[in-house]
Amino acid sequence: MHGGAMIPPIVSVVANSGTGKTTLLEKLIAEMKRRGYRVAAIKHDAHRFDIDHEGKDSWRLTRAGADTTLIMSKEKLAMVKQHTTADAPGLVESVANYCNDVDIVLTEGFRKSTLPKIEVHRRGHSETLLCRDVEYDPTLIAVAADNSLEIDVPLYDIDNIRGLCDLIVERYLS
């Protein structure tokens, strides 16, 4: 519950850059959809980003000062909502406002959050785990890796998408 609104469970996929977070998320989303779940995906971007392109109408409207710009078609809707750092909503507030029509929210990033996390680890990419070696994160629920590790949470082969989905369904959707 957040301000009276029911919010779906949120599970974050974390890893060092280039380790395969997006690839794992793509596969998790496809498997969750195959099982009939409605899924939202949220990508954390630590940098400034624009979904509009310079010169396009929506970009021009936002640049003119619109606080919120919606781009709509029959198939989809995109929103650009301006905010300052001081009034920027947090992840849970954003999920409550925009993702309350799904069963689960899967995020990429948000490593510093208190959300349940699955860490992606690839041999040769990093010798350390962000959620165990760099610092101990009690919200780590599993590791998806391409090698064997001594770890205090369930370890899944990086290609065992069904197993990871089973874990998410069992813990958050049953």
N, C-alpha and C. Protein backbone atom coordinates (compact mmCIF):
# COMPACT_ATOMS: atom_id res chain seq x y z
N MET A 1 0.85 -1.18 0.00
CA MET A 1 0.00 0.00 0.00
C MET A 1 0.89 1.23 0.00
N HIS A 2 0.50 2.21 -0.78
CA HIS A 2 1.21 3.48 -0.82
C HIS A 2 0.16 4.57 -0.95
N GLY A 3 -0.05 5.33 0.10
CA GLY A 3 -1.04 6.38 0.06
C GLY A 3 -2.42 5.85 -0.26
N GLY A 4 -2.75 4.64 0.21
CA GLY A 4 -4.05 4.06 -0.05
C GLY A 4 -4.12 3.26 -1.34
N ALA A 5 -3.11 3.37 -2.19
CA ALA A 5 -3.11 2.65 -3.46
C ALA A 5 -2.38 1.32 -3.31
N MET A 6 -2.93 0.27 -3.91
CA MET A 6 -2.24 -1.01 -3.93
C MET A 6 -1.16 -0.93 -5.00
N ILE A 7 0.04 -1.33 -4.64
CA ILE A 7 1.08 -1.35 -5.66
C ILE A 7 1.53 -2.79 -5.86
N PRO A 8 1.87 -3.12 -7.09
CA PRO A 8 2.34 -4.47 -7.36
C PRO A 8 3.73 -4.70 -6.78
N PRO A 9 4.12 -5.95 -6.58
CA PRO A 9 5.47 -6.23 -6.12
C PRO A 9 6.49 -5.73 -7.14
N ILE A 10 7.64 -5.34 -6.62
CA ILE A 10 8.74 -4.82 -7.46
C ILE A 10 9.97 -5.66 -7.19
N VAL A 11 10.60 -6.16 -8.25
CA VAL A 11 11.85 -6.90 -8.13
C VAL A 11 12.85 -6.24 -9.07
N SER A 12 14.03 -5.97 -8.55
CA SER A 12 15.04 -5.27 -9.34
C SER A 12 16.17 -6.20 -9.76
N VAL A 13 16.59 -6.07 -11.01
CA VAL A 13 17.75 -6.80 -11.52
C VAL A 13 18.92 -5.83 -11.50
N VAL A 14 19.99 -6.22 -10.79
CA VAL A 14 21.15 -5.35 -10.63
C VAL A 14 22.41 -6.06 -11.10
N ALA A 15 23.40 -5.26 -11.50
CA ALA A 15 24.70 -5.79 -11.91
C ALA A 15 25.56 -4.62 -12.34
N ASN A 16 26.84 -4.93 -12.52
CA ASN A 16 27.73 -3.94 -13.11
C ASN A 16 27.30 -3.70 -14.56
N SER A 17 27.62 -2.54 -15.09
CA SER A 17 27.28 -2.20 -16.47
C SER A 17 27.88 -3.22 -17.44
N GLY A 18 27.06 -3.62 -18.42
CA GLY A 18 27.54 -4.54 -19.44
C GLY A 18 27.50 -6.01 -19.05
N THR A 19 26.91 -6.33 -17.90
CA THR A 19 26.90 -7.72 -17.42
C THR A 19 25.75 -8.53 -18.00
N GLY A 20 24.69 -7.87 -18.45
CA GLY A 20 23.57 -8.60 -19.06
C GLY A 20 22.24 -8.39 -18.36
N LYS A 21 22.09 -7.27 -17.65
CA LYS A 21 20.83 -6.99 -16.96
C LYS A 21 19.66 -6.93 -17.94
N THR A 22 19.83 -6.17 -19.01
CA THR A 22 18.74 -5.99 -19.97
C THR A 22 18.37 -7.31 -20.63
N THR A 23 19.35 -8.09 -21.00
CA THR A 23 19.09 -9.39 -21.64
C THR A 23 18.32 -10.30 -20.69
N LEU A 24 18.74 -10.35 -19.42
CA LEU A 24 18.03 -11.17 -18.44
C LEU A 24 16.59 -10.66 -18.26
N LEU A 25 16.43 -9.35 -18.17
CA LEU A 25 15.09 -8.77 -18.01
C LEU A 25 14.20 -9.09 -19.20
N GLU A 26 14.73 -9.00 -20.41
CA GLU A 26 13.95 -9.34 -21.61
C GLU A 26 13.40 -10.76 -21.50
N LYS A 27 14.26 -11.68 -21.09
CA LYS A 27 13.85 -13.07 -20.97
C LYS A 27 12.85 -13.27 -19.83
N LEU A 28 13.07 -12.59 -18.70
CA LEU A 28 12.13 -12.68 -17.58
C LEU A 28 10.76 -12.14 -17.97
N ILE A 29 10.74 -11.01 -18.65
CA ILE A 29 9.47 -10.42 -19.09
C ILE A 29 8.74 -11.38 -20.02
N ALA A 30 9.45 -11.93 -21.00
CA ALA A 30 8.83 -12.86 -21.95
C ALA A 30 8.25 -14.08 -21.23
N GLU A 31 8.98 -14.61 -20.25
CA GLU A 31 8.49 -15.78 -19.51
C GLU A 31 7.29 -15.42 -18.63
N MET A 32 7.33 -14.25 -17.99
CA MET A 32 6.19 -13.83 -17.17
C MET A 32 4.96 -13.63 -18.05
N LYS A 33 5.13 -13.05 -19.23
CA LYS A 33 4.02 -12.85 -20.16
C LYS A 33 3.49 -14.20 -20.64
N ARG A 34 4.39 -15.15 -20.92
CA ARG A 34 3.98 -16.49 -21.35
C ARG A 34 3.11 -17.14 -20.28
N ARG A 35 3.37 -16.83 -19.03
CA ARG A 35 2.60 -17.38 -17.91
C ARG A 35 1.32 -16.59 -17.64
N GLY A 36 1.08 -15.53 -18.40
CA GLY A 36 -0.17 -14.78 -18.27
C GLY A 36 -0.13 -13.58 -17.34
N TYR A 37 1.03 -13.19 -16.88
CA TYR A 37 1.13 -12.04 -15.99
C TYR A 37 1.25 -10.73 -16.78
N ARG A 38 0.72 -9.66 -16.18
CA ARG A 38 0.89 -8.31 -16.73
C ARG A 38 2.14 -7.74 -16.06
N VAL A 39 3.07 -7.24 -16.87
CA VAL A 39 4.39 -6.84 -16.39
C VAL A 39 4.70 -5.40 -16.77
N ALA A 40 5.22 -4.65 -15.81
CA ALA A 40 5.79 -3.33 -16.11
C ALA A 40 7.30 -3.44 -15.98
N ALA A 41 8.01 -2.71 -16.80
CA ALA A 41 9.46 -2.67 -16.73
C ALA A 41 9.88 -1.22 -16.52
N ILE A 42 10.79 -1.01 -15.59
CA ILE A 42 11.30 0.33 -15.31
C ILE A 42 12.81 0.28 -15.37
N LYS A 43 13.38 1.14 -16.18
CA LYS A 43 14.84 1.23 -16.34
C LYS A 43 15.32 2.45 -15.59
N HIS A 44 16.24 2.24 -14.65
CA HIS A 44 16.83 3.38 -13.94
C HIS A 44 17.92 3.96 -14.80
N ASP A 45 17.89 5.26 -14.98
CA ASP A 45 18.93 5.93 -15.75
C ASP A 45 19.55 6.99 -14.86
N ALA A 46 20.81 6.78 -14.51
CA ALA A 46 21.49 7.72 -13.62
C ALA A 46 21.85 9.02 -14.34
N HIS A 47 21.71 9.01 -15.65
CA HIS A 47 22.06 10.18 -16.44
C HIS A 47 20.78 10.86 -16.90
N ARG A 48 20.92 12.05 -17.41
CA ARG A 48 19.78 12.78 -17.97
C ARG A 48 19.42 12.11 -19.30
N PHE A 49 18.13 11.92 -19.55
CA PHE A 49 17.74 11.28 -20.80
C PHE A 49 16.58 12.04 -21.43
N ASP A 50 16.40 11.86 -22.71
CA ASP A 50 15.27 12.42 -23.44
C ASP A 50 14.67 11.33 -24.30
N ILE A 51 13.35 11.18 -24.25
CA ILE A 51 12.71 10.24 -25.16
C ILE A 51 12.22 10.97 -26.40
N ASP A 52 12.15 12.29 -26.29
CA ASP A 52 11.79 13.11 -27.45
C ASP A 52 13.03 13.35 -28.28
N HIS A 53 12.82 13.69 -29.51
CA HIS A 53 13.93 14.01 -30.38
C HIS A 53 13.82 15.46 -30.81
N GLU A 54 14.94 16.14 -30.77
CA GLU A 54 14.96 17.56 -31.09
C GLU A 54 14.24 17.85 -32.39
N GLY A 55 13.38 18.86 -32.34
CA GLY A 55 12.64 19.28 -33.53
C GLY A 55 11.27 18.63 -33.66
N LYS A 56 11.05 17.47 -33.03
CA LYS A 56 9.74 16.81 -33.10
C LYS A 56 8.71 17.62 -32.33
N ASP A 57 7.44 17.47 -32.68
CA ASP A 57 6.38 18.26 -32.06
C ASP A 57 6.35 18.11 -30.54
N SER A 58 6.43 16.89 -30.05
CA SER A 58 6.36 16.68 -28.60
C SER A 58 7.55 17.34 -27.90
N TRP A 59 8.71 17.27 -28.51
CA TRP A 59 9.91 17.93 -27.97
C TRP A 59 9.69 19.43 -27.92
N ARG A 60 9.10 19.98 -28.97
CA ARG A 60 8.84 21.42 -29.03
C ARG A 60 7.85 21.85 -27.95
N LEU A 61 6.82 21.02 -27.70
CA LEU A 61 5.83 21.35 -26.68
C LEU A 61 6.44 21.32 -25.27
N THR A 62 7.28 20.32 -25.01
CA THR A 62 7.96 20.23 -23.72
C THR A 62 8.92 21.41 -23.56
N ARG A 63 9.67 21.69 -24.60
CA ARG A 63 10.64 22.79 -24.57
C ARG A 63 9.94 24.13 -24.37
N ALA A 64 8.70 24.24 -24.86
CA ALA A 64 7.93 25.48 -24.70
C ALA A 64 7.49 25.68 -23.25
N GLY A 65 7.58 24.62 -22.44
CA GLY A 65 7.25 24.77 -21.03
C GLY A 65 6.18 23.85 -20.50
N ALA A 66 5.65 22.95 -21.33
CA ALA A 66 4.63 22.02 -20.83
C ALA A 66 5.22 21.19 -19.69
N ASP A 67 4.51 21.12 -18.57
CA ASP A 67 4.98 20.32 -17.44
C ASP A 67 4.79 18.83 -17.69
N THR A 68 3.75 18.48 -18.44
CA THR A 68 3.49 17.10 -18.82
C THR A 68 3.11 17.08 -20.29
N THR A 69 3.74 16.20 -21.04
CA THR A 69 3.42 16.02 -22.46
C THR A 69 3.13 14.53 -22.68
N LEU A 70 1.98 14.23 -23.25
CA LEU A 70 1.65 12.85 -23.60
C LEU A 70 1.75 12.69 -25.10
N ILE A 71 2.31 11.58 -25.52
CA ILE A 71 2.36 11.22 -26.93
C ILE A 71 1.50 9.96 -27.04
N MET A 72 0.44 10.03 -27.84
CA MET A 72 -0.54 8.94 -27.85
C MET A 72 -0.81 8.44 -29.26
N SER A 73 -1.02 7.14 -29.34
CA SER A 73 -1.55 6.51 -30.56
C SER A 73 -2.52 5.44 -30.08
N LYS A 74 -3.11 4.70 -31.01
CA LYS A 74 -4.01 3.61 -30.62
C LYS A 74 -3.25 2.51 -29.89
N GLU A 75 -1.97 2.34 -30.21
CA GLU A 75 -1.18 1.23 -29.66
C GLU A 75 -0.47 1.54 -28.36
N LYS A 76 -0.10 2.82 -28.12
CA LYS A 76 0.70 3.11 -26.92
C LYS A 76 0.62 4.57 -26.53
N LEU A 77 1.12 4.81 -25.33
CA LEU A 77 1.16 6.16 -24.77
C LEU A 77 2.52 6.34 -24.12
N ALA A 78 3.10 7.51 -24.32
CA ALA A 78 4.35 7.86 -23.63
C ALA A 78 4.14 9.20 -22.96
N MET A 79 4.76 9.37 -21.81
CA MET A 79 4.60 10.62 -21.08
C MET A 79 5.96 11.21 -20.75
N VAL A 80 6.07 12.51 -20.93
CA VAL A 80 7.22 13.26 -20.47
C VAL A 80 6.70 14.16 -19.38
N LYS A 81 7.17 13.95 -18.16
CA LYS A 81 6.72 14.74 -17.02
C LYS A 81 7.94 15.45 -16.45
N GLN A 82 7.92 16.74 -16.50
CA GLN A 82 9.05 17.54 -15.99
C GLN A 82 8.97 17.62 -14.48
N HIS A 83 10.11 17.52 -13.82
CA HIS A 83 10.16 17.78 -12.39
C HIS A 83 11.55 18.23 -12.03
N THR A 84 11.65 18.88 -10.89
CA THR A 84 12.95 19.30 -10.39
C THR A 84 13.49 18.18 -9.51
N THR A 85 14.75 18.26 -9.18
CA THR A 85 15.34 17.26 -8.30
C THR A 85 14.59 17.22 -6.97
N ALA A 86 14.13 18.37 -6.51
CA ALA A 86 13.44 18.46 -5.22
C ALA A 86 12.09 17.75 -5.22
N ASP A 87 11.39 17.77 -6.36
CA ASP A 87 10.06 17.14 -6.38
C ASP A 87 10.02 15.85 -7.20
N ALA A 88 11.19 15.31 -7.51
CA ALA A 88 11.25 14.06 -8.27
C ALA A 88 10.64 12.93 -7.45
N PRO A 89 9.67 12.20 -8.03
CA PRO A 89 9.06 11.10 -7.29
C PRO A 89 10.03 9.93 -7.15
N GLY A 90 9.87 9.18 -6.08
CA GLY A 90 10.66 7.98 -5.89
C GLY A 90 10.07 6.84 -6.69
N LEU A 91 10.76 5.72 -6.69
CA LEU A 91 10.32 4.56 -7.45
C LEU A 91 8.95 4.06 -6.99
N VAL A 92 8.75 3.90 -5.69
CA VAL A 92 7.48 3.36 -5.19
C VAL A 92 6.33 4.31 -5.55
N GLU A 93 6.54 5.61 -5.41
CA GLU A 93 5.51 6.58 -5.78
C GLU A 93 5.20 6.50 -7.28
N SER A 94 6.22 6.37 -8.11
CA SER A 94 6.01 6.26 -9.55
C SER A 94 5.25 4.98 -9.90
N VAL A 95 5.60 3.87 -9.25
CA VAL A 95 4.88 2.61 -9.48
C VAL A 95 3.42 2.78 -9.07
N ALA A 96 3.18 3.39 -7.91
CA ALA A 96 1.80 3.60 -7.44
C ALA A 96 1.01 4.46 -8.43
N ASN A 97 1.66 5.45 -9.01
CA ASN A 97 0.97 6.36 -9.93
C ASN A 97 0.78 5.79 -11.33
N TYR A 98 1.73 5.00 -11.81
CA TYR A 98 1.71 4.63 -13.23
C TYR A 98 1.68 3.13 -13.53
N CYS A 99 1.85 2.30 -12.52
CA CYS A 99 1.96 0.86 -12.79
C CYS A 99 0.98 0.03 -11.98
N ASN A 100 -0.12 0.62 -11.53
CA ASN A 100 -1.05 -0.13 -10.68
C ASN A 100 -1.97 -1.05 -11.46
N ASP A 101 -1.76 -1.16 -12.78
CA ASP A 101 -2.58 -2.05 -13.60
C ASP A 101 -1.82 -3.32 -14.02
N VAL A 102 -0.70 -3.61 -13.33
CA VAL A 102 0.09 -4.79 -13.67
C VAL A 102 0.20 -5.71 -12.45
N ASP A 103 0.67 -6.92 -12.68
CA ASP A 103 0.86 -7.89 -11.60
C ASP A 103 2.21 -7.76 -10.93
N ILE A 104 3.22 -7.37 -11.70
CA ILE A 104 4.60 -7.30 -11.20
C ILE A 104 5.35 -6.19 -11.93
N VAL A 105 6.26 -5.56 -11.22
CA VAL A 105 7.14 -4.56 -11.83
C VAL A 105 8.56 -5.11 -11.74
N LEU A 106 9.22 -5.20 -12.87
CA LEU A 106 10.62 -5.62 -12.91
C LEU A 106 11.44 -4.40 -13.28
N THR A 107 12.46 -4.12 -12.48
CA THR A 107 13.27 -2.94 -12.75
C THR A 107 14.69 -3.34 -13.10
N GLU A 108 15.34 -2.44 -13.79
CA GLU A 108 16.76 -2.59 -14.08
C GLU A 108 17.49 -1.48 -13.35
N GLY A 109 18.32 -1.87 -12.42
CA GLY A 109 19.05 -0.87 -11.64
C GLY A 109 18.44 -0.72 -10.25
N PHE A 110 18.50 0.49 -9.74
CA PHE A 110 18.00 0.79 -8.39
C PHE A 110 18.76 -0.03 -7.34
N ARG A 111 20.06 -0.18 -7.55
CA ARG A 111 20.91 -0.98 -6.68
C ARG A 111 20.90 -0.50 -5.23
N LYS A 112 20.74 0.80 -5.01
CA LYS A 112 20.78 1.35 -3.65
C LYS A 112 19.42 1.30 -2.96
N SER A 113 18.40 0.79 -3.63
CA SER A 113 17.05 0.74 -3.04
C SER A 113 16.94 -0.40 -2.03
N THR A 114 15.80 -0.44 -1.37
CA THR A 114 15.51 -1.53 -0.43
C THR A 114 14.63 -2.59 -1.08
N LEU A 115 14.56 -2.59 -2.41
CA LEU A 115 13.77 -3.57 -3.15
C LEU A 115 14.44 -4.94 -3.15
N PRO A 116 13.64 -6.00 -3.30
CA PRO A 116 14.23 -7.32 -3.53
C PRO A 116 15.05 -7.28 -4.83
N LYS A 117 16.22 -7.93 -4.81
CA LYS A 117 17.12 -7.85 -5.95
C LYS A 117 17.59 -9.23 -6.41
N ILE A 118 17.75 -9.33 -7.72
CA ILE A 118 18.43 -10.46 -8.34
C ILE A 118 19.69 -9.87 -8.97
N GLU A 119 20.84 -10.38 -8.58
CA GLU A 119 22.09 -9.86 -9.15
C GLU A 119 22.56 -10.77 -10.29
N VAL A 120 22.95 -10.15 -11.40
CA VAL A 120 23.51 -10.87 -12.54
C VAL A 120 25.03 -10.84 -12.39
N HIS A 121 25.65 -12.02 -12.52
CA HIS A 121 27.11 -12.11 -12.38
C HIS A 121 27.67 -12.94 -13.52
N ARG A 122 28.68 -12.41 -14.18
CA ARG A 122 29.35 -13.14 -15.27
C ARG A 122 30.83 -13.29 -14.95
N ARG A 123 31.29 -14.52 -15.11
CA ARG A 123 32.71 -14.84 -14.92
C ARG A 123 33.54 -13.97 -15.87
N GLY A 124 34.59 -13.42 -15.37
CA GLY A 124 35.46 -12.61 -16.21
C GLY A 124 35.01 -11.16 -16.32
N HIS A 125 33.79 -10.89 -15.91
CA HIS A 125 33.29 -9.50 -15.96
C HIS A 125 33.60 -8.80 -14.66
N SER A 126 33.46 -9.54 -13.57
CA SER A 126 33.75 -8.99 -12.24
C SER A 126 33.99 -10.16 -11.30
N GLU A 127 34.93 -9.99 -10.42
CA GLU A 127 35.22 -11.03 -9.44
C GLU A 127 34.33 -10.88 -8.20
N THR A 128 33.70 -9.71 -8.06
CA THR A 128 32.93 -9.44 -6.85
C THR A 128 31.44 -9.32 -7.16
N LEU A 129 30.65 -9.58 -6.14
CA LEU A 129 29.20 -9.36 -6.21
C LEU A 129 28.88 -8.02 -5.57
N LEU A 130 28.08 -7.22 -6.25
CA LEU A 130 27.70 -5.91 -5.71
C LEU A 130 26.97 -6.04 -4.38
N CYS A 131 26.09 -7.03 -4.28
CA CYS A 131 25.22 -7.16 -3.10
C CYS A 131 25.79 -8.04 -2.00
N ARG A 132 27.02 -8.53 -2.17
CA ARG A 132 27.63 -9.34 -1.12
C ARG A 132 29.07 -8.89 -0.85
N ASP A 133 29.86 -8.70 -1.88
CA ASP A 133 31.28 -8.38 -1.69
C ASP A 133 31.51 -6.88 -1.56
N VAL A 134 30.87 -6.08 -2.41
CA VAL A 134 31.03 -4.63 -2.36
C VAL A 134 30.42 -4.10 -1.06
N GLU A 135 29.21 -4.53 -0.80
CA GLU A 135 28.54 -4.29 0.48
C GLU A 135 27.51 -5.38 0.67
N TYR A 136 27.12 -5.64 1.92
CA TYR A 136 26.14 -6.69 2.18
C TYR A 136 24.75 -6.09 2.05
N ASP A 137 23.98 -6.57 1.07
CA ASP A 137 22.62 -6.09 0.85
C ASP A 137 21.64 -7.20 1.25
N PRO A 138 20.92 -7.01 2.35
CA PRO A 138 20.00 -8.04 2.83
C PRO A 138 18.80 -8.27 1.91
N THR A 139 18.60 -7.40 0.91
CA THR A 139 17.45 -7.55 0.01
C THR A 139 17.76 -8.45 -1.19
N LEU A 140 18.99 -8.94 -1.29
CA LEU A 140 19.34 -9.86 -2.38
C LEU A 140 18.57 -11.16 -2.21
N ILE A 141 17.79 -11.55 -3.24
CA ILE A 141 17.01 -12.79 -3.14
C ILE A 141 17.60 -13.92 -3.97
N ALA A 142 18.45 -13.59 -4.96
CA ALA A 142 19.03 -14.62 -5.82
C ALA A 142 20.16 -14.02 -6.65
N VAL A 143 20.99 -14.92 -7.17
CA VAL A 143 22.04 -14.53 -8.12
C VAL A 143 21.86 -15.38 -9.36
N ALA A 144 21.93 -14.74 -10.53
CA ALA A 144 21.93 -15.43 -11.82
C ALA A 144 23.34 -15.31 -12.37
N ALA A 145 24.01 -16.45 -12.51
CA ALA A 145 25.43 -16.41 -12.88
C ALA A 145 25.76 -17.45 -13.94
N ASP A 146 26.91 -17.25 -14.58
CA ASP A 146 27.40 -18.21 -15.56
C ASP A 146 28.52 -19.07 -14.98
N ASN A 147 28.65 -19.04 -13.65
CA ASN A 147 29.65 -19.85 -12.96
C ASN A 147 29.12 -20.21 -11.58
N SER A 148 29.80 -21.14 -10.91
CA SER A 148 29.34 -21.52 -9.57
C SER A 148 29.95 -20.56 -8.55
N LEU A 149 29.15 -20.22 -7.55
CA LEU A 149 29.58 -19.29 -6.51
C LEU A 149 29.16 -19.84 -5.16
N GLU A 150 29.91 -19.51 -4.14
CA GLU A 150 29.51 -19.81 -2.77
C GLU A 150 28.70 -18.59 -2.33
N ILE A 151 27.41 -18.77 -2.16
CA ILE A 151 26.54 -17.62 -1.87
C ILE A 151 25.42 -18.07 -0.94
N ASP A 152 24.92 -17.15 -0.13
CA ASP A 152 23.90 -17.47 0.87
C ASP A 152 22.47 -17.27 0.38
N VAL A 153 22.29 -17.08 -0.92
CA VAL A 153 20.96 -16.99 -1.52
C VAL A 153 20.92 -17.98 -2.68
N PRO A 154 19.73 -18.30 -3.19
CA PRO A 154 19.67 -19.24 -4.32
C PRO A 154 20.51 -18.76 -5.51
N LEU A 155 21.23 -19.69 -6.11
CA LEU A 155 22.06 -19.42 -7.29
C LEU A 155 21.42 -20.10 -8.49
N TYR A 156 21.18 -19.34 -9.54
CA TYR A 156 20.57 -19.85 -10.77
C TYR A 156 21.54 -19.69 -11.91
N ASP A 157 21.54 -20.67 -12.81
CA ASP A 157 22.27 -20.49 -14.06
C ASP A 157 21.66 -19.29 -14.76
N ILE A 158 22.48 -18.49 -15.39
CA ILE A 158 22.03 -17.26 -16.03
C ILE A 158 20.96 -17.52 -17.10
N ASP A 159 20.92 -18.75 -17.62
CA ASP A 159 19.92 -19.09 -18.65
C ASP A 159 18.70 -19.81 -18.07
N ASN A 160 18.64 -19.99 -16.74
CA ASN A 160 17.51 -20.66 -16.11
C ASN A 160 16.40 -19.65 -15.81
N ILE A 161 15.80 -19.16 -16.86
CA ILE A 161 14.75 -18.13 -16.74
C ILE A 161 13.51 -18.70 -16.06
N ARG A 162 13.17 -19.93 -16.38
CA ARG A 162 12.01 -20.56 -15.73
C ARG A 162 12.20 -20.64 -14.22
N GLY A 163 13.38 -21.02 -13.79
CA GLY A 163 13.67 -21.12 -12.35
C GLY A 163 13.56 -19.75 -11.67
N LEU A 164 14.11 -18.73 -12.30
CA LEU A 164 14.01 -17.38 -11.74
C LEU A 164 12.56 -16.91 -11.68
N CYS A 165 11.79 -17.21 -12.73
CA CYS A 165 10.36 -16.85 -12.72
C CYS A 165 9.62 -17.62 -11.63
N ASP A 166 9.94 -18.89 -11.48
CA ASP A 166 9.32 -19.68 -10.40
C ASP A 166 9.57 -19.01 -9.05
N LEU A 167 10.80 -18.57 -8.80
CA LEU A 167 11.15 -17.90 -7.56
C LEU A 167 10.31 -16.63 -7.36
N ILE A 168 10.22 -15.80 -8.40
CA ILE A 168 9.46 -14.55 -8.32
C ILE A 168 7.97 -14.84 -8.07
N VAL A 169 7.43 -15.80 -8.80
CA VAL A 169 5.99 -16.15 -8.64
C VAL A 169 5.74 -16.67 -7.24
N GLU A 170 6.61 -17.58 -6.78
CA GLU A 170 6.43 -18.19 -5.46
C GLU A 170 6.51 -17.15 -4.34
N ARG A 171 7.45 -16.22 -4.44
CA ARG A 171 7.65 -15.24 -3.36
C ARG A 171 6.69 -14.06 -3.43
N TYR A 172 6.30 -13.64 -4.63
CA TYR A 172 5.59 -12.36 -4.75
C TYR A 172 4.22 -12.42 -5.42
N LEU A 173 3.89 -13.53 -6.06
CA LEU A 173 2.63 -13.57 -6.81
C LEU A 173 1.71 -14.71 -6.38
N SER A 174 2.09 -15.48 -5.38
CA SER A 174 1.25 -16.61 -4.94
C SER A 174 0.39 -16.23 -3.77
